[in-house]
C-alpha cells in the first residue's frame, strides 16, 4: 500500500510544524521526483532532516522539523565562493600562456617542438596528457597551428601571431 503527501502539502507542513515534529511523507518503495526535490530543498534550507524506516516490504520516508539550520549548513553557506570559477579559469589561462611561451621560444630559436612529456616536465604538469590538453586548447583558440609530419618525427608548431614555426626533428 502506497501513501504519499503532495509536494505542496509537505511544504505547508514544514512551514507550520514545530521543531521536533515529524511526518511520514511517503510509504512505499520510492517517492516521486517532485516529492524528493521538495525534501532536498527543505533539507538544504535547514528546515527538515529526512530519514527512512523499514515498513513491511517497503519504507516509510519521514521528515522531521528542525529548530534552526544545522551549523554545518550555515558553514556550507558561508564557504560559497562566487569567484571560484574565475579562479580556475585564470589558472587555466596562466598554464596555457606558459605552454604558448615555451612553444614560441622554440619557434623563435629555430628549435624542434618540445614533446608533451617535455612540456609537462618543464611546467610541472601532472603528465603528458595534461600538456597535450593544453596544446589542443591553444589550437582550438586559434593561437597555434600544429602539423604532424610522421609518427617518427616531432610535430611542427606555427605560432599564429608571429608566423614563426618550430623545425622538424626526429623523436
N, C-alpha and C. Protein backbone atom coordinates (compact mmCIF):
# COMPACT_ATOMS: atom_id res chain seq x y z
N UNK A 1 0.84 -1.17 0.00
CA UNK A 1 0.00 0.00 0.00
C UNK A 1 0.89 1.24 0.00
N UNK A 2 0.65 2.14 -0.95
CA UNK A 2 1.47 3.33 -1.10
C UNK A 2 0.67 4.55 -0.66
N UNK A 3 1.30 5.36 0.21
CA UNK A 3 0.68 6.60 0.66
C UNK A 3 1.68 7.73 0.45
N UNK A 4 1.18 8.88 0.02
CA UNK A 4 2.11 9.99 -0.22
C UNK A 4 1.42 11.32 0.00
N UNK A 5 2.19 12.25 0.55
CA UNK A 5 1.74 13.64 0.60
C UNK A 5 2.05 14.28 -0.75
N UNK A 6 1.29 15.28 -1.08
CA UNK A 6 1.61 16.06 -2.27
C UNK A 6 2.74 17.02 -1.89
N UNK A 7 3.58 17.42 -2.86
CA UNK A 7 4.68 18.33 -2.54
C UNK A 7 4.23 19.60 -1.81
N UNK A 8 3.12 20.19 -2.25
CA UNK A 8 2.65 21.41 -1.60
C UNK A 8 2.18 21.15 -0.17
N UNK A 9 1.65 19.94 0.11
CA UNK A 9 1.26 19.60 1.47
C UNK A 9 2.49 19.50 2.38
N UNK A 10 3.57 18.94 1.85
CA UNK A 10 4.79 18.81 2.64
C UNK A 10 5.39 20.19 2.93
N UNK A 11 5.37 21.08 1.96
CA UNK A 11 5.87 22.44 2.17
C UNK A 11 5.04 23.15 3.23
N UNK A 12 3.73 23.03 3.12
CA UNK A 12 2.83 23.64 4.10
C UNK A 12 3.10 23.09 5.50
N UNK A 13 3.27 21.78 5.60
CA UNK A 13 3.56 21.17 6.90
C UNK A 13 4.87 21.72 7.47
N UNK A 14 5.92 21.81 6.65
CA UNK A 14 7.22 22.28 7.12
C UNK A 14 7.14 23.72 7.61
N UNK A 15 6.28 24.54 7.02
CA UNK A 15 6.17 25.94 7.42
C UNK A 15 5.44 26.10 8.75
N UNK A 16 4.51 25.20 9.05
CA UNK A 16 3.74 25.36 10.28
C UNK A 16 4.14 24.40 11.41
N UNK A 17 4.96 23.40 11.12
CA UNK A 17 5.33 22.41 12.13
C UNK A 17 6.27 23.01 13.17
N UNK A 18 6.16 22.47 14.40
CA UNK A 18 7.05 22.89 15.47
C UNK A 18 8.31 22.05 15.44
N UNK A 19 9.42 22.57 15.95
CA UNK A 19 10.66 21.78 15.99
C UNK A 19 10.43 20.45 16.71
N UNK A 20 10.97 19.39 16.10
CA UNK A 20 10.83 18.05 16.68
C UNK A 20 9.67 17.25 16.10
N UNK A 21 8.69 17.90 15.51
CA UNK A 21 7.56 17.18 14.91
C UNK A 21 8.04 16.48 13.65
N UNK A 22 7.39 15.36 13.34
CA UNK A 22 7.74 14.67 12.11
C UNK A 22 6.50 14.23 11.36
N UNK A 23 6.70 13.93 10.08
CA UNK A 23 5.62 13.48 9.23
C UNK A 23 6.15 12.40 8.29
N UNK A 24 5.35 11.36 8.09
CA UNK A 24 5.69 10.34 7.09
C UNK A 24 5.11 10.86 5.77
N UNK A 25 6.00 11.36 4.91
CA UNK A 25 5.54 11.97 3.67
C UNK A 25 5.35 10.97 2.54
N UNK A 26 5.87 9.74 2.73
CA UNK A 26 5.69 8.71 1.71
C UNK A 26 5.88 7.35 2.33
N UNK A 27 5.07 6.39 1.93
CA UNK A 27 5.22 5.00 2.33
C UNK A 27 5.19 4.16 1.06
N UNK A 28 6.26 3.39 0.84
CA UNK A 28 6.37 2.58 -0.37
C UNK A 28 7.83 2.38 -0.72
N UNK A 29 8.08 2.13 -2.01
CA UNK A 29 9.46 1.87 -2.44
C UNK A 29 10.28 3.15 -2.64
N UNK A 30 9.68 4.13 -3.32
CA UNK A 30 10.44 5.35 -3.62
C UNK A 30 9.47 6.49 -3.94
N UNK A 31 9.67 7.66 -3.30
CA UNK A 31 8.78 8.79 -3.60
C UNK A 31 9.03 9.34 -5.01
N UNK A 32 8.11 10.12 -5.49
CA UNK A 32 8.24 10.73 -6.81
C UNK A 32 9.40 11.72 -6.82
N UNK A 33 9.88 12.06 -8.00
CA UNK A 33 10.98 13.02 -8.13
C UNK A 33 10.57 14.37 -7.57
N UNK A 34 9.33 14.78 -7.79
CA UNK A 34 8.85 16.07 -7.29
C UNK A 34 8.90 16.11 -5.76
N UNK A 35 8.48 15.03 -5.13
CA UNK A 35 8.50 14.96 -3.67
C UNK A 35 9.94 14.91 -3.14
N UNK A 36 10.80 14.14 -3.80
CA UNK A 36 12.21 14.08 -3.39
C UNK A 36 12.86 15.45 -3.53
N UNK A 37 12.52 16.18 -4.58
CA UNK A 37 13.08 17.51 -4.81
C UNK A 37 12.68 18.47 -3.69
N UNK A 38 11.41 18.41 -3.28
CA UNK A 38 10.93 19.27 -2.20
C UNK A 38 11.67 18.95 -0.90
N UNK A 39 11.85 17.66 -0.61
CA UNK A 39 12.56 17.26 0.61
C UNK A 39 14.01 17.74 0.56
N UNK A 40 14.66 17.60 -0.61
CA UNK A 40 16.04 18.10 -0.73
C UNK A 40 16.11 19.60 -0.48
N UNK A 41 15.16 20.36 -1.04
CA UNK A 41 15.14 21.81 -0.86
C UNK A 41 14.92 22.18 0.62
N UNK A 42 13.95 21.52 1.26
CA UNK A 42 13.68 21.81 2.68
C UNK A 42 14.87 21.45 3.55
N UNK A 43 15.55 20.37 3.20
CA UNK A 43 16.73 19.95 3.94
C UNK A 43 17.87 20.94 3.74
N UNK A 44 18.06 21.41 2.50
CA UNK A 44 19.12 22.38 2.21
C UNK A 44 18.87 23.71 2.93
N UNK A 45 17.60 24.05 3.15
CA UNK A 45 17.26 25.27 3.87
C UNK A 45 17.43 25.10 5.38
N UNK A 46 17.63 23.85 5.82
CA UNK A 46 17.79 23.59 7.25
C UNK A 46 16.47 23.50 7.98
N UNK A 47 15.37 23.29 7.25
CA UNK A 47 14.07 23.20 7.90
C UNK A 47 13.74 21.79 8.36
N UNK A 48 14.16 20.77 7.61
CA UNK A 48 13.85 19.39 7.97
C UNK A 48 15.08 18.52 7.82
N UNK A 49 15.02 17.37 8.49
CA UNK A 49 16.02 16.34 8.28
C UNK A 49 15.26 15.09 7.82
N UNK A 50 15.62 14.54 6.65
CA UNK A 50 14.90 13.36 6.15
C UNK A 50 15.50 12.07 6.72
N UNK A 51 14.65 11.07 6.87
CA UNK A 51 15.10 9.75 7.31
C UNK A 51 14.14 8.70 6.75
N UNK A 52 14.54 7.45 6.83
CA UNK A 52 13.66 6.35 6.38
C UNK A 52 13.65 5.26 7.43
N UNK A 53 12.54 4.54 7.45
CA UNK A 53 12.40 3.35 8.31
C UNK A 53 11.74 2.27 7.49
N UNK A 54 12.16 1.05 7.73
CA UNK A 54 11.58 -0.08 7.02
C UNK A 54 10.13 -0.26 7.48
N UNK A 55 9.25 -0.50 6.51
CA UNK A 55 7.83 -0.69 6.79
C UNK A 55 7.33 -1.83 5.92
N UNK A 56 7.33 -3.04 6.45
CA UNK A 56 6.90 -4.20 5.67
C UNK A 56 7.86 -4.44 4.52
N UNK A 57 7.33 -4.48 3.30
CA UNK A 57 8.17 -4.72 2.12
C UNK A 57 8.78 -3.43 1.58
N UNK A 58 8.33 -2.28 2.09
CA UNK A 58 8.83 -1.01 1.59
C UNK A 58 9.46 -0.18 2.69
N UNK A 59 9.31 1.14 2.57
CA UNK A 59 9.90 2.06 3.53
C UNK A 59 8.92 3.16 3.89
N UNK A 60 9.12 3.75 5.07
CA UNK A 60 8.42 4.98 5.46
C UNK A 60 9.44 6.10 5.35
N UNK A 61 9.16 7.09 4.54
CA UNK A 61 10.03 8.24 4.38
C UNK A 61 9.51 9.33 5.30
N UNK A 62 10.38 9.80 6.19
CA UNK A 62 9.96 10.70 7.25
C UNK A 62 10.77 11.99 7.18
N UNK A 63 10.10 13.11 7.43
CA UNK A 63 10.78 14.40 7.55
C UNK A 63 10.54 14.90 8.96
N UNK A 64 11.61 15.30 9.64
CA UNK A 64 11.48 15.84 10.99
C UNK A 64 11.84 17.32 10.95
N UNK A 65 10.99 18.14 11.54
CA UNK A 65 11.20 19.60 11.54
C UNK A 65 12.33 19.95 12.50
N UNK A 66 13.24 20.77 12.03
CA UNK A 66 14.36 21.21 12.85
C UNK A 66 14.05 22.56 13.48
N UNK A 67 14.76 22.86 14.55
CA UNK A 67 14.57 24.14 15.22
C UNK A 67 15.14 25.28 14.39
N UNK A 68 16.34 25.06 13.86
CA UNK A 68 17.02 26.08 13.06
C UNK A 68 17.98 25.35 12.13
N UNK A 69 18.54 26.04 11.15
CA UNK A 69 19.52 25.37 10.29
C UNK A 69 20.67 24.80 11.11
N UNK A 70 21.11 23.63 10.71
CA UNK A 70 22.24 22.99 11.39
C UNK A 70 23.49 23.82 11.18
N UNK A 71 24.44 23.79 12.12
CA UNK A 71 25.68 24.55 11.97
C UNK A 71 26.44 24.20 10.68
N UNK A 72 26.39 22.92 10.29
CA UNK A 72 27.09 22.54 9.07
C UNK A 72 26.48 23.22 7.84
N UNK A 73 25.18 23.46 7.86
CA UNK A 73 24.54 24.14 6.74
C UNK A 73 24.91 25.62 6.72
N UNK A 74 24.99 26.23 7.89
CA UNK A 74 25.40 27.63 7.94
C UNK A 74 26.85 27.77 7.47
N UNK A 75 27.69 26.81 7.88
CA UNK A 75 29.10 26.82 7.48
C UNK A 75 29.22 26.64 5.97
N UNK A 76 28.41 25.74 5.40
CA UNK A 76 28.46 25.49 3.96
C UNK A 76 28.05 26.74 3.19
N UNK A 77 27.06 27.47 3.69
CA UNK A 77 26.63 28.70 3.01
C UNK A 77 27.71 29.76 3.06
N UNK A 78 28.44 29.84 4.18
CA UNK A 78 29.49 30.84 4.33
C UNK A 78 30.67 30.55 3.41
N UNK A 79 30.87 29.29 3.05
CA UNK A 79 32.02 28.91 2.24
C UNK A 79 31.83 29.18 0.77
N UNK A 80 30.63 29.43 0.32
CA UNK A 80 30.38 29.60 -1.11
C UNK A 80 31.24 30.74 -1.63
N UNK A 81 32.00 30.45 -2.68
CA UNK A 81 32.91 31.43 -3.27
C UNK A 81 32.41 31.78 -4.66
N UNK A 82 31.78 32.94 -4.83
CA UNK A 82 31.26 33.27 -6.15
C UNK A 82 32.34 33.42 -7.21
N UNK A 83 33.59 33.67 -6.81
CA UNK A 83 34.67 33.82 -7.77
C UNK A 83 35.41 32.53 -8.04
N UNK A 84 34.90 31.42 -7.55
CA UNK A 84 35.61 30.14 -7.66
C UNK A 84 35.90 29.77 -9.11
N UNK A 85 34.93 29.91 -9.99
CA UNK A 85 35.15 29.50 -11.37
C UNK A 85 36.13 30.43 -12.06
N UNK A 86 36.10 31.71 -11.72
CA UNK A 86 37.02 32.66 -12.30
C UNK A 86 38.46 32.29 -11.92
N UNK A 87 38.65 31.84 -10.68
CA UNK A 87 39.99 31.49 -10.23
C UNK A 87 40.55 30.34 -11.06
N UNK A 88 39.78 29.27 -11.26
CA UNK A 88 40.28 28.14 -12.04
C UNK A 88 40.47 28.54 -13.50
N UNK A 89 39.62 29.45 -14.00
CA UNK A 89 39.77 29.93 -15.36
C UNK A 89 41.08 30.71 -15.50
N UNK A 90 41.39 31.52 -14.49
CA UNK A 90 42.66 32.27 -14.51
C UNK A 90 43.84 31.32 -14.51
N UNK A 91 43.74 30.25 -13.72
CA UNK A 91 44.82 29.26 -13.65
C UNK A 91 45.00 28.60 -15.01
N UNK A 92 43.90 28.24 -15.66
CA UNK A 92 43.98 27.61 -16.98
C UNK A 92 44.63 28.55 -17.99
N UNK A 93 44.30 29.84 -17.90
CA UNK A 93 44.90 30.82 -18.82
C UNK A 93 46.40 30.96 -18.56
N UNK A 94 46.79 30.93 -17.28
CA UNK A 94 48.22 31.05 -16.95
C UNK A 94 49.00 29.86 -17.50
N UNK A 95 48.46 28.65 -17.31
CA UNK A 95 49.14 27.45 -17.79
C UNK A 95 49.17 27.45 -19.31
N UNK A 96 48.06 27.81 -19.94
CA UNK A 96 48.02 27.88 -21.40
C UNK A 96 49.01 28.91 -21.93
N UNK A 97 49.12 30.03 -21.22
CA UNK A 97 50.09 31.06 -21.61
C UNK A 97 51.52 30.57 -21.48
N UNK A 98 51.79 29.78 -20.43
CA UNK A 98 53.14 29.24 -20.23
C UNK A 98 53.49 28.26 -21.35
N UNK A 99 52.52 27.43 -21.76
CA UNK A 99 52.76 26.49 -22.87
C UNK A 99 53.03 27.28 -24.14
N UNK A 100 52.24 28.32 -24.39
CA UNK A 100 52.44 29.15 -25.58
C UNK A 100 53.83 29.81 -25.57
N UNK A 101 54.27 30.28 -24.40
CA UNK A 101 55.60 30.90 -24.31
C UNK A 101 56.71 29.90 -24.63
N UNK A 102 56.59 28.67 -24.11
CA UNK A 102 57.61 27.65 -24.41
C UNK A 102 57.64 27.31 -25.90
N UNK A 103 56.46 27.18 -26.50
CA UNK A 103 56.40 26.88 -27.93
C UNK A 103 56.94 28.06 -28.76
N UNK A 104 56.62 29.28 -28.34
CA UNK A 104 57.12 30.48 -29.04
C UNK A 104 58.64 30.56 -28.94
N UNK A 105 59.18 30.26 -27.76
CA UNK A 105 60.63 30.31 -27.59
C UNK A 105 61.31 29.31 -28.53
N UNK A 106 60.76 28.10 -28.62
CA UNK A 106 61.34 27.09 -29.52
C UNK A 106 61.26 27.56 -30.96
N UNK A 107 60.13 28.18 -31.34
CA UNK A 107 59.97 28.66 -32.72
C UNK A 107 60.94 29.81 -32.99
N UNK A 108 61.08 30.75 -32.07
CA UNK A 108 61.97 31.90 -32.26
C UNK A 108 63.44 31.47 -32.37
N UNK A 109 63.81 30.41 -31.66
CA UNK A 109 65.19 29.95 -31.67
C UNK A 109 65.47 28.94 -32.78
N UNK A 110 64.44 28.57 -33.54
CA UNK A 110 64.63 27.60 -34.62
C UNK A 110 64.88 26.20 -34.09
N UNK A 111 64.26 25.87 -32.96
CA UNK A 111 64.43 24.55 -32.34
C UNK A 111 63.26 23.65 -32.71
N UNK A 112 63.42 22.36 -32.35
CA UNK A 112 62.31 21.42 -32.54
C UNK A 112 61.26 21.68 -31.46
N UNK A 113 60.06 21.25 -31.74
CA UNK A 113 58.96 21.42 -30.80
C UNK A 113 59.13 20.46 -29.62
N UNK A 114 58.94 20.94 -28.39
CA UNK A 114 59.02 20.03 -27.25
C UNK A 114 57.88 19.01 -27.30
N UNK A 115 58.14 17.79 -26.84
CA UNK A 115 57.11 16.76 -26.77
C UNK A 115 56.18 17.10 -25.60
N UNK A 116 55.07 16.41 -25.54
CA UNK A 116 54.14 16.63 -24.43
C UNK A 116 54.79 16.30 -23.10
N UNK A 117 55.60 15.26 -23.05
CA UNK A 117 56.30 14.90 -21.82
C UNK A 117 57.27 16.00 -21.41
N UNK A 118 57.99 16.56 -22.37
CA UNK A 118 58.92 17.65 -22.07
C UNK A 118 58.18 18.89 -21.58
N UNK A 119 57.05 19.20 -22.20
CA UNK A 119 56.25 20.33 -21.75
C UNK A 119 55.75 20.12 -20.32
N UNK A 120 55.26 18.92 -20.05
CA UNK A 120 54.74 18.61 -18.72
C UNK A 120 55.84 18.75 -17.67
N UNK A 121 57.01 18.24 -17.98
CA UNK A 121 58.14 18.32 -17.05
C UNK A 121 58.55 19.77 -16.81
N UNK A 122 58.62 20.55 -17.87
CA UNK A 122 59.05 21.95 -17.76
C UNK A 122 58.06 22.81 -16.97
N UNK A 123 56.77 22.49 -17.07
CA UNK A 123 55.74 23.31 -16.43
C UNK A 123 55.21 22.73 -15.13
N UNK A 124 55.67 21.53 -14.77
CA UNK A 124 55.20 20.91 -13.54
C UNK A 124 53.78 20.38 -13.65
N UNK A 125 53.38 20.00 -14.86
CA UNK A 125 52.06 19.42 -15.05
C UNK A 125 52.07 17.96 -14.63
N UNK A 126 50.89 17.40 -14.45
CA UNK A 126 50.76 16.02 -13.96
C UNK A 126 51.41 15.01 -14.89
N UNK A 127 51.11 15.12 -16.18
CA UNK A 127 51.65 14.15 -17.14
C UNK A 127 51.54 14.69 -18.57
N UNK A 128 51.93 13.87 -19.53
CA UNK A 128 51.91 14.26 -20.94
C UNK A 128 50.49 14.53 -21.42
N UNK A 129 49.52 13.86 -20.84
CA UNK A 129 48.13 14.07 -21.26
C UNK A 129 47.69 15.49 -20.91
N UNK A 130 48.12 15.99 -19.74
CA UNK A 130 47.77 17.36 -19.34
C UNK A 130 48.40 18.37 -20.31
N UNK A 131 49.64 18.11 -20.73
CA UNK A 131 50.29 19.00 -21.70
C UNK A 131 49.59 18.93 -23.05
N UNK A 132 49.22 17.72 -23.47
CA UNK A 132 48.52 17.55 -24.74
C UNK A 132 47.20 18.33 -24.74
N UNK A 133 46.51 18.29 -23.62
CA UNK A 133 45.25 19.02 -23.50
C UNK A 133 45.48 20.52 -23.69
N UNK A 134 46.56 21.06 -23.07
CA UNK A 134 46.85 22.49 -23.19
C UNK A 134 47.19 22.85 -24.64
N UNK A 135 47.92 21.99 -25.32
CA UNK A 135 48.27 22.25 -26.72
C UNK A 135 46.99 22.24 -27.58
N UNK A 136 46.11 21.28 -27.35
CA UNK A 136 44.85 21.21 -28.11
C UNK A 136 44.00 22.46 -27.87
N UNK A 137 44.01 22.96 -26.63
CA UNK A 137 43.26 24.20 -26.34
C UNK A 137 43.82 25.38 -27.12
N UNK A 138 45.15 25.46 -27.21
CA UNK A 138 45.76 26.55 -27.97
C UNK A 138 45.38 26.46 -29.45
N UNK A 139 45.30 25.24 -29.97
CA UNK A 139 44.88 25.05 -31.37
C UNK A 139 43.42 25.49 -31.50
N UNK A 140 42.57 25.06 -30.58
CA UNK A 140 41.15 25.40 -30.63
C UNK A 140 40.93 26.91 -30.51
N UNK A 141 41.77 27.59 -29.71
CA UNK A 141 41.66 29.04 -29.56
C UNK A 141 42.27 29.80 -30.73
N UNK A 142 42.92 29.07 -31.66
CA UNK A 142 43.48 29.70 -32.84
C UNK A 142 44.82 30.38 -32.61
N UNK A 143 45.50 30.04 -31.53
CA UNK A 143 46.79 30.68 -31.22
C UNK A 143 47.96 29.96 -31.88
N UNK A 144 47.78 28.67 -32.16
CA UNK A 144 48.83 27.90 -32.84
C UNK A 144 48.21 26.99 -33.88
N UNK A 145 49.04 26.56 -34.83
CA UNK A 145 48.66 25.51 -35.79
C UNK A 145 49.67 24.39 -35.61
N UNK A 146 49.21 23.16 -35.68
CA UNK A 146 50.08 22.00 -35.47
C UNK A 146 50.07 21.13 -36.71
N UNK A 147 51.26 20.72 -37.13
CA UNK A 147 51.43 19.79 -38.26
C UNK A 147 52.14 18.56 -37.71
N UNK A 148 51.59 17.41 -37.97
CA UNK A 148 52.20 16.14 -37.54
C UNK A 148 52.82 15.48 -38.78
N UNK A 149 54.13 15.66 -39.04
CA UNK A 149 54.74 15.14 -40.27
C UNK A 149 54.68 13.61 -40.39
N UNK A 150 55.10 12.90 -39.34
CA UNK A 150 55.05 11.43 -39.37
C UNK A 150 55.17 10.93 -37.94
N UNK A 151 54.89 9.66 -37.71
CA UNK A 151 54.98 9.13 -36.36
C UNK A 151 56.39 9.11 -35.78
N UNK A 152 57.39 9.21 -36.62
CA UNK A 152 58.77 9.17 -36.13
C UNK A 152 59.39 10.56 -36.02
N UNK A 153 58.63 11.61 -36.38
CA UNK A 153 59.14 12.97 -36.31
C UNK A 153 58.34 13.79 -35.31
N UNK A 154 58.97 14.82 -34.78
CA UNK A 154 58.29 15.73 -33.87
C UNK A 154 57.29 16.59 -34.64
N UNK A 155 56.25 17.02 -33.93
CA UNK A 155 55.28 17.90 -34.57
C UNK A 155 55.92 19.25 -34.86
N UNK A 156 55.34 19.96 -35.81
CA UNK A 156 55.80 21.30 -36.15
C UNK A 156 54.68 22.25 -35.73
N UNK A 157 55.03 23.20 -34.87
CA UNK A 157 54.04 24.15 -34.36
C UNK A 157 54.33 25.52 -34.96
N UNK A 158 53.27 26.15 -35.49
CA UNK A 158 53.38 27.51 -36.01
C UNK A 158 52.62 28.44 -35.07
N UNK A 159 53.29 29.48 -34.60
CA UNK A 159 52.66 30.48 -33.74
C UNK A 159 51.92 31.44 -34.65
N UNK A 160 50.61 31.51 -34.54
CA UNK A 160 49.78 32.30 -35.44
C UNK A 160 50.14 33.79 -35.37
N UNK A 161 50.38 34.31 -34.18
CA UNK A 161 50.64 35.75 -34.02
C UNK A 161 51.92 36.20 -34.72
N UNK A 162 52.95 35.35 -34.74
CA UNK A 162 54.24 35.74 -35.32
C UNK A 162 54.51 35.07 -36.66
N UNK A 163 53.85 33.96 -36.93
CA UNK A 163 54.10 33.21 -38.16
C UNK A 163 55.34 32.33 -38.09
N UNK A 164 56.03 32.33 -36.96
CA UNK A 164 57.24 31.50 -36.81
C UNK A 164 56.85 30.08 -36.45
N UNK A 165 57.70 29.12 -36.91
CA UNK A 165 57.43 27.70 -36.69
C UNK A 165 58.64 27.01 -36.07
N UNK A 166 58.34 25.94 -35.35
CA UNK A 166 59.42 25.07 -34.88
C UNK A 166 59.89 24.26 -36.08
N UNK A 167 61.07 23.64 -35.96
CA UNK A 167 61.62 22.87 -37.08
C UNK A 167 61.33 21.38 -36.88
N UNK A 168 61.38 20.65 -38.01
CA UNK A 168 61.20 19.20 -37.93
C UNK A 168 62.38 18.56 -37.23
N UNK A 169 62.13 17.44 -36.62
CA UNK A 169 63.19 16.72 -35.95
C UNK A 169 62.73 15.31 -35.62
N UNK A 170 63.68 14.42 -35.46
CA UNK A 170 63.34 13.04 -35.12
C UNK A 170 62.98 12.96 -33.64
N UNK A 171 62.13 12.00 -33.34
CA UNK A 171 61.75 11.78 -31.94
C UNK A 171 62.85 11.09 -31.18
